[in-house]
Amino acid sequence: MQRDDASKAQKKNLVGLVSPQVLSAAEADPISPVVMDLQACDMLEIRYDWFEKGIWPELSTRVRKLAPESAQIGTVRLARDGGTFPDDSAVERPALWQSIFAAPDVPEWMDLERDCLHDYGALAELAKPRGTRIIVSEHNFVRIPTLLELKKFAQDAQRVKAAGLKIAAMSNGPTDCQRLYQFASKNAKNFEMFAAFGMGKTGMPSRIWSLHEGANLTYGSIEACAAPGQIDVLTMKKAIDALDNFASENDIAAFLNKFE
């Protein structure tokens, strides 16, 4: 697919996930390799659902001290979307969001699952005064949605005026991610942040090649992988820096094979 000059110049954002183990290791040793991983990321996702609720308000400040140049995404991921926050406790999240936004330091972005758009208004009301924008996300651990389903997702995100969209879906074959690339090429321009990649073994190259096809947001692991097919941030960083040298998705697959 052809890209215009604006797409070529668009910044590619690598997101690393912050877990309790990562945060503890980085705070314990300022020259730890974990700190290098954190600082290599353009953005850091604070996975609040992995931490004790009582420390949620302080997490943004603690992460900011370790990586002051990295923007933050706050996420309270429900179990059905691959997180650890109980699905039947979803009604508790608005009060917990309030504790996050009452803190001195807050993430620049918050992530909300598409199937919880009924809570979008409550989150937006808390986020707007602090200058925080919202990414609407969807995770499909079975298959990549059809183009019609993806189109409906984009419409839902635009309807609530979300500034970002993320779709991560299980790839079950070598050509599955083509739908995600078509989706990104057509819709990424409508969002400030946009991610569309496949999970699983055959989805690995898409975590990088999607940036060639219009997306500007992708995710990597720091220490333990949090999703099927996730790639460590330093390998992701190398691949993203060399993106213009790759002619195809297959080139990226060959590059990644060197690090297995």
C-alpha atoms as a PDB file:
ATOM      1  CA  MET A   1       0.000   0.000   0.000  1.00  0.00           C
ATOM      2  CA  GLN A   2       1.178   3.528  -0.794  1.00  0.00           C
ATOM      3  CA  ARG A   3       1.712   6.050   1.970  1.00  0.00           C
ATOM      4  CA  ASP A   4       1.671   9.810   1.607  1.00  0.00           C
ATOM      5  CA  ASP A   5       4.486  12.038   2.868  1.00  0.00           C
ATOM      6  CA  ALA A   6       2.637  12.820   6.098  1.00  0.00           C
ATOM      7  CA  SER A   7       2.352   9.115   6.933  1.00  0.00           C
ATOM      8  CA  LYS A   8       6.058   8.574   6.259  1.00  0.00           C
ATOM      9  CA  ALA A   9       6.970  11.403   8.607  1.00  0.00           C
ATOM     10  CA  GLN A  10       4.560  10.310  11.328  1.00  0.00           C
ATOM     11  CA  LYS A  11       6.169   9.447  14.649  1.00  0.00           C
ATOM     12  CA  LYS A  12       6.041   5.748  15.522  1.00  0.00           C
ATOM     13  CA  ASN A  13       5.284   5.200  19.198  1.00  0.00           C
ATOM     14  CA  LEU A  14       6.593   2.135  21.020  1.00  0.00           C
ATOM     15  CA  VAL A  15       4.720   1.342  24.225  1.00  0.00           C
ATOM     16  CA  GLY A  16       6.241  -0.730  27.031  1.00  0.00           C
ATOM     17  CA  LEU A  17       4.105  -2.312  29.748  1.00  0.00           C
ATOM     18  CA  VAL A  18       4.846  -1.474  33.381  1.00  0.00           C
ATOM     19  CA  SER A  19       4.230  -4.299  35.844  1.00  0.00           C
ATOM     20  CA  PRO A  20       4.902  -4.407  39.609  1.00  0.00           C
ATOM     21  CA  GLN A  21       8.030  -6.472  38.926  1.00  0.00           C
ATOM     22  CA  VAL A  22       9.331  -3.982  36.381  1.00  0.00           C
ATOM     23  CA  LEU A  23       8.646  -1.001  38.617  1.00  0.00           C
ATOM     24  CA  SER A  24      10.265  -2.626  41.661  1.00  0.00           C
ATOM     25  CA  ALA A  25      13.366  -3.662  39.710  1.00  0.00           C
ATOM     26  CA  ALA A  26      13.809  -0.203  38.187  1.00  0.00           C
ATOM     27  CA  GLU A  27      13.371   1.617  41.484  1.00  0.00           C
ATOM     28  CA  ALA A  28      15.783  -0.740  43.258  1.00  0.00           C
ATOM     29  CA  ASP A  29      18.610  -0.260  40.753  1.00  0.00           C
ATOM     30  CA  PRO A  30      18.897   2.899  38.615  1.00  0.00           C
ATOM     31  CA  ILE A  31      21.337   1.186  36.237  1.00  0.00           C
ATOM     32  CA  SER A  32      19.241  -1.941  35.859  1.00  0.00           C
ATOM     33  CA  PRO A  33      18.581  -3.137  32.268  1.00  0.00           C
ATOM     34  CA  VAL A  34      14.905  -2.646  33.090  1.00  0.00           C
ATOM     35  CA  VAL A  35      15.494   1.108  33.348  1.00  0.00           C
ATOM     36  CA  MET A  36      17.053   1.051  29.877  1.00  0.00           C
ATOM     37  CA  ASP A  37      13.966  -0.747  28.597  1.00  0.00           C
ATOM     38  CA  LEU A  38      11.663   1.840  30.159  1.00  0.00           C
ATOM     39  CA  GLN A  39      13.632   4.742  28.749  1.00  0.00           C
ATOM     40  CA  ALA A  40      13.745   3.156  25.276  1.00  0.00           C
ATOM     41  CA  CYS A  41       9.960   3.465  25.029  1.00  0.00           C
ATOM     42  CA  ASP A  42       8.124   6.473  23.640  1.00  0.00           C
ATOM     43  CA  MET A  43       5.181   5.642  25.893  1.00  0.00           C
ATOM     44  CA  LEU A  44       4.630   3.452  28.940  1.00  0.00           C
ATOM     45  CA  GLU A  45       1.411   1.660  29.784  1.00  0.00           C
ATOM     46  CA  ILE A  46       0.747   1.541  33.509  1.00  0.00           C
ATOM     47  CA  ARG A  47      -1.254  -1.636  34.003  1.00  0.00           C
ATOM     48  CA  TYR A  48      -3.149  -0.545  37.096  1.00  0.00           C
ATOM     49  CA  ASP A  49      -4.961  -3.885  37.251  1.00  0.00           C
ATOM     50  CA  TRP A  50      -1.630  -5.546  38.073  1.00  0.00           C
ATOM     51  CA  PHE A  51      -1.067  -3.351  41.152  1.00  0.00           C
ATOM     52  CA  GLU A  52      -2.721  -3.094  44.567  1.00  0.00           C
ATOM     53  CA  LYS A  53      -5.500  -0.505  44.399  1.00  0.00           C
ATOM     54  CA  GLY A  54      -4.139   1.479  47.322  1.00  0.00           C
ATOM     55  CA  ILE A  55      -1.057   2.624  45.383  1.00  0.00           C
ATOM     56  CA  TRP A  56      -2.796   3.527  42.114  1.00  0.00           C
ATOM     57  CA  PRO A  57      -2.696   7.304  42.747  1.00  0.00           C
ATOM     58  CA  GLU A  58       1.095   7.284  43.150  1.00  0.00           C
ATOM     59  CA  LEU A  59       1.995   5.140  40.149  1.00  0.00           C
ATOM     60  CA  SER A  60       2.125   7.872  37.521  1.00  0.00           C
ATOM     61  CA  THR A  61       4.584   9.892  39.603  1.00  0.00           C
ATOM     62  CA  ARG A  62       6.769   6.861  40.290  1.00  0.00           C
ATOM     63  CA  VAL A  63       6.927   5.886  36.625  1.00  0.00           C
ATOM     64  CA  ARG A  64       7.567   9.515  35.597  1.00  0.00           C
ATOM     65  CA  LYS A  65      10.645   9.637  37.821  1.00  0.00           C
ATOM     66  CA  LEU A  66      12.099   6.620  36.038  1.00  0.00           C
ATOM     67  CA  ALA A  67      11.257   7.703  32.483  1.00  0.00           C
ATOM     68  CA  PRO A  68      10.418  11.424  32.422  1.00  0.00           C
ATOM     69  CA  GLU A  69      10.474  11.635  28.622  1.00  0.00           C
ATOM     70  CA  SER A  70       7.945   8.856  28.073  1.00  0.00           C
ATOM     71  CA  ALA A  71       4.237   9.626  27.842  1.00  0.00           C
ATOM     72  CA  GLN A  72       1.940   7.351  29.817  1.00  0.00           C
ATOM     73  CA  ILE A  73      -1.155   5.275  29.099  1.00  0.00           C
ATOM     74  CA  GLY A  74      -3.219   4.212  32.095  1.00  0.00           C
ATOM     75  CA  THR A  75      -5.072   0.909  31.804  1.00  0.00           C
ATOM     76  CA  VAL A  76      -7.380  -0.960  34.162  1.00  0.00           C
ATOM     77  CA  ARG A  77      -7.814  -4.028  31.965  1.00  0.00           C
ATOM     78  CA  LEU A  78     -10.753  -6.346  32.582  1.00  0.00           C
ATOM     79  CA  ALA A  79     -10.158 -10.115  32.678  1.00  0.00           C
ATOM     80  CA  ARG A  80     -12.252 -10.718  29.553  1.00  0.00           C
ATOM     81  CA  ASP A  81      -9.917  -8.404  27.644  1.00  0.00           C
ATOM     82  CA  GLY A  82      -6.743 -10.056  28.852  1.00  0.00           C
ATOM     83  CA  GLY A  83      -6.331  -8.207  32.149  1.00  0.00           C
ATOM     84  CA  THR A  84      -6.675  -9.184  35.790  1.00  0.00           C
ATOM     85  CA  PHE A  85      -9.407  -6.817  36.987  1.00  0.00           C
ATOM     86  CA  PRO A  86     -12.506  -8.966  37.665  1.00  0.00           C
ATOM     87  CA  ASP A  87     -15.232  -8.580  35.051  1.00  0.00           C
ATOM     88  CA  ASP A  88     -17.941  -8.522  37.704  1.00  0.00           C
ATOM     89  CA  SER A  89     -16.178  -5.598  39.414  1.00  0.00           C
ATOM     90  CA  ALA A  90     -16.239  -3.361  36.331  1.00  0.00           C
ATOM     91  CA  VAL A  91     -18.761  -1.082  38.062  1.00  0.00           C
ATOM     92  CA  GLU A  92     -16.036  -0.186  40.570  1.00  0.00           C
ATOM     93  CA  ARG A  93     -13.740   1.334  37.974  1.00  0.00           C
ATOM     94  CA  PRO A  94     -15.223   4.866  37.805  1.00  0.00           C
ATOM     95  CA  ALA A  95     -14.453   5.396  41.507  1.00  0.00           C
ATOM     96  CA  LEU A  96     -10.960   4.024  41.004  1.00  0.00           C
ATOM     97  CA  TRP A  97     -10.410   6.270  37.992  1.00  0.00           C
ATOM     98  CA  GLN A  98     -11.356   9.151  40.247  1.00  0.00           C
ATOM     99  CA  SER A  99      -8.536   8.224  42.643  1.00  0.00           C
ATOM    100  CA  ILE A 100      -6.077   8.206  39.723  1.00  0.00           C
ATOM    101  CA  PHE A 101      -7.151  11.642  38.468  1.00  0.00           C
ATOM    102  CA  ALA A 102      -7.110  13.158  41.948  1.00  0.00           C
ATOM    103  CA  ALA A 103      -3.348  12.536  42.133  1.00  0.00           C
ATOM    104  CA  PRO A 104      -0.747  15.233  41.407  1.00  0.00           C
ATOM    105  CA  ASP A 105       0.514  13.397  38.308  1.00  0.00           C
ATOM    106  CA  VAL A 106      -1.693  11.538  35.821  1.00  0.00           C
ATOM    107  CA  PRO A 107      -1.200   9.640  32.540  1.00  0.00           C
ATOM    108  CA  GLU A 108      -1.535  11.538  29.267  1.00  0.00           C
ATOM    109  CA  TRP A 109      -3.807   8.757  28.002  1.00  0.00           C
ATOM    110  CA  MET A 110      -6.337   6.317  29.450  1.00  0.00           C
ATOM    111  CA  ASP A 111      -7.449   3.099  27.778  1.00  0.00           C
ATOM    112  CA  LEU A 112     -11.082   1.957  27.821  1.00  0.00           C
ATOM    113  CA  GLU A 113     -12.394  -1.272  26.314  1.00  0.00           C
ATOM    114  CA  ARG A 114     -14.884  -0.930  23.508  1.00  0.00           C
ATOM    115  CA  ASP A 115     -17.451  -3.094  25.290  1.00  0.00           C
ATOM    116  CA  CYS A 116     -17.412  -0.582  28.162  1.00  0.00           C
ATOM    117  CA  LEU A 117     -18.299   2.501  26.124  1.00  0.00           C
ATOM    118  CA  HIS A 118     -21.221   3.033  28.503  1.00  0.00           C
ATOM    119  CA  ASP A 119     -18.519   4.270  30.929  1.00  0.00           C
ATOM    120  CA  TYR A 120     -16.891   6.581  28.376  1.00  0.00           C
ATOM    121  CA  GLY A 121     -18.721   9.671  29.606  1.00  0.00           C
ATOM    122  CA  ALA A 122     -17.671   9.103  33.216  1.00  0.00           C
ATOM    123  CA  LEU A 123     -14.041   8.589  32.206  1.00  0.00           C
ATOM    124  CA  ALA A 124     -14.030  11.575  29.869  1.00  0.00           C
ATOM    125  CA  GLU A 125     -15.449  13.816  32.588  1.00  0.00           C
ATOM    126  CA  LEU A 126     -12.513  12.942  34.840  1.00  0.00           C
ATOM    127  CA  ALA A 127      -9.904  12.968  32.084  1.00  0.00           C
ATOM    128  CA  LYS A 128     -10.673  16.220  30.306  1.00  0.00           C
ATOM    129  CA  PRO A 129      -9.764  18.644  33.141  1.00  0.00           C
ATOM    130  CA  ARG A 130      -6.379  16.933  33.465  1.00  0.00           C
ATOM    131  CA  GLY A 131      -5.686  16.995  29.726  1.00  0.00           C
ATOM    132  CA  THR A 132      -5.850  13.208  29.445  1.00  0.00           C
ATOM    133  CA  ARG A 133      -7.129  11.700  26.201  1.00  0.00           C
ATOM    134  CA  ILE A 134      -8.820   8.354  25.714  1.00  0.00           C
ATOM    135  CA  ILE A 135      -7.924   5.313  23.625  1.00  0.00           C
ATOM    136  CA  VAL A 136     -10.758   2.890  22.909  1.00  0.00           C
ATOM    137  CA  SER A 137      -9.404  -0.648  22.653  1.00  0.00           C
ATOM    138  CA  GLU A 138     -10.574  -4.078  21.614  1.00  0.00           C
ATOM    139  CA  HIS A 139      -8.848  -7.418  22.141  1.00  0.00           C
ATOM    140  CA  ASN A 140      -9.964 -10.529  20.283  1.00  0.00           C
ATOM    141  CA  PHE A 141      -8.110 -13.654  21.418  1.00  0.00           C
ATOM    142  CA  VAL A 142      -9.846 -15.893  18.868  1.00  0.00           C
ATOM    143  CA  ARG A 143      -9.611 -14.252  15.435  1.00  0.00           C
ATOM    144  CA  ILE A 144      -9.104 -11.066  13.478  1.00  0.00           C
ATOM    145  CA  PRO A 145     -12.458  -9.342  12.879  1.00  0.00           C
ATOM    146  CA  THR A 146     -13.887  -8.915   9.402  1.00  0.00           C
ATOM    147  CA  LEU A 147     -13.488  -5.603   7.599  1.00  0.00           C
ATOM    148  CA  LEU A 148     -17.147  -4.840   8.327  1.00  0.00           C
ATOM    149  CA  GLU A 149     -16.622  -5.481  12.039  1.00  0.00           C
ATOM    150  CA  LEU A 150     -13.507  -3.314  12.037  1.00  0.00           C
ATOM    151  CA  LYS A 151     -15.401  -0.525  10.275  1.00  0.00           C
ATOM    152  CA  LYS A 152     -18.079  -0.640  12.992  1.00  0.00           C
ATOM    153  CA  PHE A 153     -15.369  -0.427  15.654  1.00  0.00           C
ATOM    154  CA  ALA A 154     -13.946   2.732  14.104  1.00  0.00           C
ATOM    155  CA  GLN A 155     -17.435   4.220  13.909  1.00  0.00           C
ATOM    156  CA  ASP A 156     -18.036   3.462  17.597  1.00  0.00           C
ATOM    157  CA  ALA A 157     -14.758   5.122  18.589  1.00  0.00           C
ATOM    158  CA  GLN A 158     -15.487   8.184  16.458  1.00  0.00           C
ATOM    159  CA  ARG A 159     -19.029   8.428  17.811  1.00  0.00           C
ATOM    160  CA  VAL A 160     -17.727   8.993  21.346  1.00  0.00           C
ATOM    161  CA  LYS A 161     -14.957  11.253  19.984  1.00  0.00           C
ATOM    162  CA  ALA A 162     -12.117   9.070  21.235  1.00  0.00           C
ATOM    163  CA  ALA A 163      -8.668  10.397  20.358  1.00  0.00           C
ATOM    164  CA  GLY A 164      -7.182   6.922  20.004  1.00  0.00           C
ATOM    165  CA  LEU A 165      -8.081   3.421  18.807  1.00  0.00           C
ATOM    166  CA  LYS A 166      -6.382   0.092  19.447  1.00  0.00           C
ATOM    167  CA  ILE A 167      -7.249  -3.318  18.016  1.00  0.00           C
ATOM    168  CA  ALA A 168      -5.196  -6.391  18.924  1.00  0.00           C
ATOM    169  CA  ALA A 169      -6.553  -9.649  17.501  1.00  0.00           C
ATOM    170  CA  MET A 170      -5.373 -13.234  17.198  1.00  0.00           C
ATOM    171  CA  SER A 171      -3.778 -14.107  13.873  1.00  0.00           C
ATOM    172  CA  ASN A 172      -4.372 -17.695  12.796  1.00  0.00           C
ATOM    173  CA  GLY A 173      -2.551 -17.625   9.462  1.00  0.00           C
ATOM    174  CA  PRO A 174       0.118 -15.792   7.460  1.00  0.00           C
ATOM    175  CA  THR A 175      -2.344 -13.542   5.599  1.00  0.00           C
ATOM    176  CA  ASP A 176      -4.745 -12.774   8.448  1.00  0.00           C
ATOM    177  CA  CYS A 177      -3.243  -9.391   9.265  1.00  0.00           C
ATOM    178  CA  GLN A 178      -3.946  -8.006   5.799  1.00  0.00           C
ATOM    179  CA  ARG A 179      -7.371  -6.940   7.079  1.00  0.00           C
ATOM    180  CA  LEU A 180      -5.742  -4.995   9.889  1.00  0.00           C
ATOM    181  CA  TYR A 181      -3.458  -3.250   7.406  1.00  0.00           C
ATOM    182  CA  GLN A 182      -6.406  -2.265   5.227  1.00  0.00           C
ATOM    183  CA  PHE A 183      -8.184  -1.014   8.325  1.00  0.00           C
ATOM    184  CA  ALA A 184      -5.179   1.042   9.437  1.00  0.00           C
ATOM    185  CA  SER A 185      -4.587   2.507   5.982  1.00  0.00           C
ATOM    186  CA  LYS A 186      -8.158   3.757   5.817  1.00  0.00           C
ATOM    187  CA  ASN A 187      -8.845   4.809   9.421  1.00  0.00           C
ATOM    188  CA  ALA A 188      -5.607   5.752  11.195  1.00  0.00           C
ATOM    189  CA  LYS A 189      -5.783   9.334   9.921  1.00  0.00           C
ATOM    190  CA  ASN A 190      -8.960   9.863  11.969  1.00  0.00           C
ATOM    191  CA  PHE A 191      -7.218   9.274  15.308  1.00  0.00           C
ATOM    192  CA  GLU A 192      -4.277  10.824  17.104  1.00  0.00           C
ATOM    193  CA  MET A 193      -3.133   7.388  18.278  1.00  0.00           C
ATOM    194  CA  PHE A 194      -3.875   4.224  16.319  1.00  0.00           C
ATOM    195  CA  ALA A 195      -2.793   0.607  16.795  1.00  0.00           C
ATOM    196  CA  ALA A 196      -3.889  -2.399  14.715  1.00  0.00           C
ATOM    197  CA  PHE A 197      -1.845  -5.581  14.964  1.00  0.00           C
ATOM    198  CA  GLY A 198      -2.154  -9.334  15.264  1.00  0.00           C
ATOM    199  CA  MET A 199      -1.386 -11.512  18.259  1.00  0.00           C
ATOM    200  CA  GLY A 200       0.182 -14.957  18.172  1.00  0.00           C
ATOM    201  CA  LYS A 201       3.141 -16.301  16.200  1.00  0.00           C
ATOM    202  CA  THR A 202       1.887 -15.284  12.743  1.00  0.00           C
ATOM    203  CA  GLY A 203       0.902 -11.884  14.096  1.00  0.00           C
ATOM    204  CA  MET A 204       4.363 -10.964  15.358  1.00  0.00           C
ATOM    205  CA  PRO A 205       5.566  -9.130  12.220  1.00  0.00           C
ATOM    206  CA  SER A 206       2.377  -7.057  12.214  1.00  0.00           C
ATOM    207  CA  ARG A 207       3.409  -5.416  15.460  1.00  0.00           C
ATOM    208  CA  ILE A 208       6.009  -3.599  13.346  1.00  0.00           C
ATOM    209  CA  TRP A 209       4.639  -3.704   9.783  1.00  0.00           C
ATOM    210  CA  SER A 210       1.374  -2.098  10.936  1.00  0.00           C
ATOM    211  CA  LEU A 211       3.433   1.075  11.452  1.00  0.00           C
ATOM    212  CA  HIS A 212       4.257   0.992   7.743  1.00  0.00           C
ATOM    213  CA  GLU A 213       0.567   0.712   6.897  1.00  0.00           C
ATOM    214  CA  GLY A 214      -0.649   3.764   8.807  1.00  0.00           C
ATOM    215  CA  ALA A 215      -0.649   2.898  12.516  1.00  0.00           C
ATOM    216  CA  ASN A 216       1.533   4.952  14.845  1.00  0.00           C
ATOM    217  CA  LEU A 217       1.237   2.916  18.037  1.00  0.00           C
ATOM    218  CA  THR A 218       2.577  -0.533  18.910  1.00  0.00           C
ATOM    219  CA  TYR A 219       3.325  -2.464  22.085  1.00  0.00           C
ATOM    220  CA  GLY A 220       6.305  -4.440  23.375  1.00  0.00           C
ATOM    221  CA  SER A 221       7.181  -6.358  26.506  1.00  0.00           C
ATOM    222  CA  ILE A 222       9.518  -5.439  29.327  1.00  0.00           C
ATOM    223  CA  GLU A 223      10.686  -8.693  30.913  1.00  0.00           C
ATOM    224  CA  ALA A 224       7.670 -11.077  30.838  1.00  0.00           C
ATOM    225  CA  CYS A 225       5.355 -11.072  27.809  1.00  0.00           C
ATOM    226  CA  ALA A 226       1.794 -10.019  28.570  1.00  0.00           C
ATOM    227  CA  ALA A 227       0.135 -11.150  25.333  1.00  0.00           C
ATOM    228  CA  PRO A 228       0.623 -13.937  22.761  1.00  0.00           C
ATOM    229  CA  GLY A 229       3.381 -13.085  20.311  1.00  0.00           C
ATOM    230  CA  GLN A 230       4.552  -9.983  22.159  1.00  0.00           C
ATOM    231  CA  ILE A 231       8.141  -8.944  21.406  1.00  0.00           C
ATOM    232  CA  ASP A 232      10.608  -7.388  23.850  1.00  0.00           C
ATOM    233  CA  VAL A 233      10.932  -3.617  23.559  1.00  0.00           C
ATOM    234  CA  LEU A 234      14.610  -3.538  22.609  1.00  0.00           C
ATOM    235  CA  THR A 235      14.028  -5.853  19.631  1.00  0.00           C
ATOM    236  CA  MET A 236      10.967  -3.791  18.727  1.00  0.00           C
ATOM    237  CA  LYS A 237      13.034  -0.615  18.942  1.00  0.00           C
ATOM    238  CA  LYS A 238      15.658  -2.016  16.564  1.00  0.00           C
ATOM    239  CA  ALA A 239      13.002  -3.101  14.087  1.00  0.00           C
ATOM    240  CA  ILE A 240      11.163   0.228  14.198  1.00  0.00           C
ATOM    241  CA  ASP A 241      14.407   2.155  13.688  1.00  0.00           C
ATOM    242  CA  ALA A 242      15.066   0.000  10.590  1.00  0.00           C
ATOM    243  CA  LEU A 243      11.473   0.120   9.311  1.00  0.00           C
ATOM    244  CA  ASP A 244      12.309   2.033   6.137  1.00  0.00           C
ATOM    245  CA  ASN A 245      14.736  -0.730   5.168  1.00  0.00           C
ATOM    246  CA  PHE A 246      12.039  -3.416   5.119  1.00  0.00           C
ATOM    247  CA  ALA A 247      10.232  -4.005   1.840  1.00  0.00           C
ATOM    248  CA  SER A 248       7.609  -6.387   3.177  1.00  0.00           C
ATOM    249  CA  GLU A 249       6.125  -8.124   6.178  1.00  0.00           C
ATOM    250  CA  ASN A 250       8.289 -11.141   5.294  1.00  0.00           C
ATOM    251  CA  ASP A 251      11.432  -9.037   5.719  1.00  0.00           C
ATOM    252  CA  ILE A 252      10.343  -8.225   9.248  1.00  0.00           C
ATOM    253  CA  ALA A 253       9.641 -11.892   9.978  1.00  0.00           C
ATOM    254  CA  ALA A 254      13.179 -12.755   8.834  1.00  0.00           C
ATOM    255  CA  PHE A 255      14.576  -9.960  11.019  1.00  0.00           C
ATOM    256  CA  LEU A 256      12.689 -11.220  14.078  1.00  0.00           C
ATOM    257  CA  ASN A 257      13.894 -14.779  13.501  1.00  0.00           C
ATOM    258  CA  LYS A 258      17.438 -13.596  14.236  1.00  0.00           C
ATOM    259  CA  PHE A 259      16.432 -12.870  17.831  1.00  0.00           C
ATOM    260  CA  GLU A 260      14.665 -16.151  18.611  1.00  0.00           C
END
